[in-house]
C-alpha atoms as a PDB file:
ATOM      1  CA  MET A   1      -9.487  -0.931   6.990  1.00  0.00           C
ATOM      2  CA  ILE A   2      -8.173  -2.893   4.029  1.00  0.00           C
ATOM      3  CA  ILE A   3      -4.757  -1.879   2.727  1.00  0.00           C
ATOM      4  CA  LYS A   4      -3.617  -3.265  -0.600  1.00  0.00           C
ATOM      5  CA  VAL A   5      -0.059  -3.067  -1.885  1.00  0.00           C
ATOM      6  CA  LEU A   6      -0.101  -3.266  -5.664  1.00  0.00           C
ATOM      7  CA  GLY A   7       2.947  -4.594  -7.466  1.00  0.00           C
ATOM      8  CA  GLY A   8       4.646  -7.622  -8.904  1.00  0.00           C
ATOM      9  CA  GLY A   9       6.427  -8.631  -5.717  1.00  0.00           C
ATOM     10  CA  CYS A  10       9.650  -6.662  -6.318  1.00  0.00           C
ATOM     11  CA  ASP A  11      11.889  -5.462  -3.475  1.00  0.00           C
ATOM     12  CA  ASN A  12      10.160  -2.075  -3.356  1.00  0.00           C
ATOM     13  CA  CYS A  13       6.758  -3.768  -3.163  1.00  0.00           C
ATOM     14  CA  GLN A  14       7.955  -5.895  -0.250  1.00  0.00           C
ATOM     15  CA  LYS A  15       9.416  -2.814   1.473  1.00  0.00           C
ATOM     16  CA  THR A  16       6.095  -1.000   1.046  1.00  0.00           C
ATOM     17  CA  LYS A  17       4.154  -3.923   2.504  1.00  0.00           C
ATOM     18  CA  ALA A  18       6.555  -4.210   5.451  1.00  0.00           C
ATOM     19  CA  LEU A  19       6.348  -0.456   6.093  1.00  0.00           C
ATOM     20  CA  ALA A  20       2.555  -0.580   6.025  1.00  0.00           C
ATOM     21  CA  GLN A  21       2.584  -3.450   8.543  1.00  0.00           C
ATOM     22  CA  GLU A  22       5.022  -1.609  10.824  1.00  0.00           C
ATOM     23  CA  VAL A  23       2.900   1.535  10.825  1.00  0.00           C
ATOM     24  CA  VAL A  24      -0.351  -0.397  11.341  1.00  0.00           C
ATOM     25  CA  ASP A  25       1.212  -2.136  14.349  1.00  0.00           C
ATOM     26  CA  GLU A  26       2.717   1.094  15.674  1.00  0.00           C
ATOM     27  CA  LEU A  27      -0.597   2.964  15.471  1.00  0.00           C
ATOM     28  CA  GLY A  28      -2.640   0.016  16.733  1.00  0.00           C
ATOM     29  CA  LEU A  29      -4.946   0.098  13.717  1.00  0.00           C
ATOM     30  CA  ASP A  30      -7.469  -2.580  12.857  1.00  0.00           C
ATOM     31  CA  ALA A  31      -6.289  -3.241   9.316  1.00  0.00           C
ATOM     32  CA  GLN A  32      -5.771  -6.094   6.909  1.00  0.00           C
ATOM     33  CA  ILE A  33      -2.855  -5.865   4.461  1.00  0.00           C
ATOM     34  CA  GLN A  34      -3.111  -7.631   1.117  1.00  0.00           C
ATOM     35  CA  GLU A  35      -0.765  -7.980  -1.850  1.00  0.00           C
ATOM     36  CA  VAL A  36      -2.133  -7.580  -5.357  1.00  0.00           C
ATOM     37  CA  LYS A  37       0.284  -8.984  -7.941  1.00  0.00           C
ATOM     38  CA  ASP A  38      -1.984  -9.664 -10.910  1.00  0.00           C
ATOM     39  CA  MET A  39      -1.349  -7.013 -13.581  1.00  0.00           C
ATOM     40  CA  ALA A  40      -4.974  -6.976 -14.732  1.00  0.00           C
ATOM     41  CA  ASP A  41      -6.088  -6.248 -11.163  1.00  0.00           C
ATOM     42  CA  ILE A  42      -3.426  -3.542 -10.787  1.00  0.00           C
ATOM     43  CA  MET A  43      -4.449  -1.925 -14.078  1.00  0.00           C
ATOM     44  CA  ALA A  44      -8.088  -1.926 -12.926  1.00  0.00           C
ATOM     45  CA  TYR A  45      -7.046   0.645 -10.309  1.00  0.00           C
ATOM     46  CA  GLY A  46      -5.558   2.848 -13.036  1.00  0.00           C
ATOM     47  CA  VAL A  47      -2.085   2.484 -11.567  1.00  0.00           C
ATOM     48  CA  MET A  48       0.742   2.839 -14.069  1.00  0.00           C
ATOM     49  CA  SER A  49       3.672   2.733 -11.651  1.00  0.00           C
ATOM     50  CA  THR A  50       4.205   0.384  -8.726  1.00  0.00           C
ATOM     51  CA  PRO A  51       4.400  -0.096  -5.858  1.00  0.00           C
ATOM     52  CA  ALA A  52       1.075   1.515  -5.102  1.00  0.00           C
ATOM     53  CA  VAL A  53      -0.997   1.678  -1.944  1.00  0.00           C
ATOM     54  CA  VAL A  54      -4.781   1.361  -1.930  1.00  0.00           C
ATOM     55  CA  ILE A  55      -6.757   2.028   1.247  1.00  0.00           C
ATOM     56  CA  ASP A  56     -10.379   0.919   1.280  1.00  0.00           C
ATOM     57  CA  GLU A  57     -10.409   0.787  -2.549  1.00  0.00           C
ATOM     58  CA  LYS A  58      -8.935   4.287  -3.009  1.00  0.00           C
ATOM     59  CA  VAL A  59      -5.458   4.683  -4.549  1.00  0.00           C
ATOM     60  CA  VAL A  60      -3.529   6.914  -2.140  1.00  0.00           C
ATOM     61  CA  HIS A  61       0.055   6.449  -3.377  1.00  0.00           C
ATOM     62  CA  SER A  62       1.891   5.095  -6.402  1.00  0.00           C
ATOM     63  CA  GLY A  63       5.302   5.092  -8.012  1.00  0.00           C
ATOM     64  CA  GLY A  64       7.673   4.128  -5.231  1.00  0.00           C
ATOM     65  CA  VAL A  65       8.112   3.288  -1.584  1.00  0.00           C
ATOM     66  CA  PRO A  66       6.426   5.984   0.497  1.00  0.00           C
ATOM     67  CA  THR A  67       8.371   7.568   3.321  1.00  0.00           C
ATOM     68  CA  ARG A  68       7.508   6.481   6.840  1.00  0.00           C
ATOM     69  CA  ASP A  69       5.940   9.894   7.544  1.00  0.00           C
ATOM     70  CA  LYS A  70       3.805   9.666   4.418  1.00  0.00           C
ATOM     71  CA  MET A  71       2.623   6.164   5.324  1.00  0.00           C
ATOM     72  CA  VAL A  72       1.686   7.360   8.817  1.00  0.00           C
ATOM     73  CA  ASN A  73      -0.272  10.280   7.322  1.00  0.00           C
ATOM     74  CA  LEU A  74      -2.026   8.055   4.784  1.00  0.00           C
ATOM     75  CA  LEU A  75      -3.145   5.579   7.418  1.00  0.00           C
ATOM     76  CA  GLN A  76      -4.198   8.213   9.936  1.00  0.00           C
ATOM     77  CA  GLN A  77      -6.357   9.987   7.344  1.00  0.00           C
ATOM     78  CA  ASN A  78      -8.350   6.838   6.602  1.00  0.00           C
END
């Protein structure tokens, strides 16, 4: 599984990345977490509000830091 956190590197983007890593570790998932900071790359996903989470090239969340429960659900569904 490839998880991408889209955003310019702001505090909320860092919190989202850290949350994703915590949940991946907690669930024992085989996942790679990447940061995407380039605005052209972010826009290519059609994301207008960051931070956003992309799992295996599908945008699953955008517009803020997801709750822990939401992150767990997102990662378990994929």
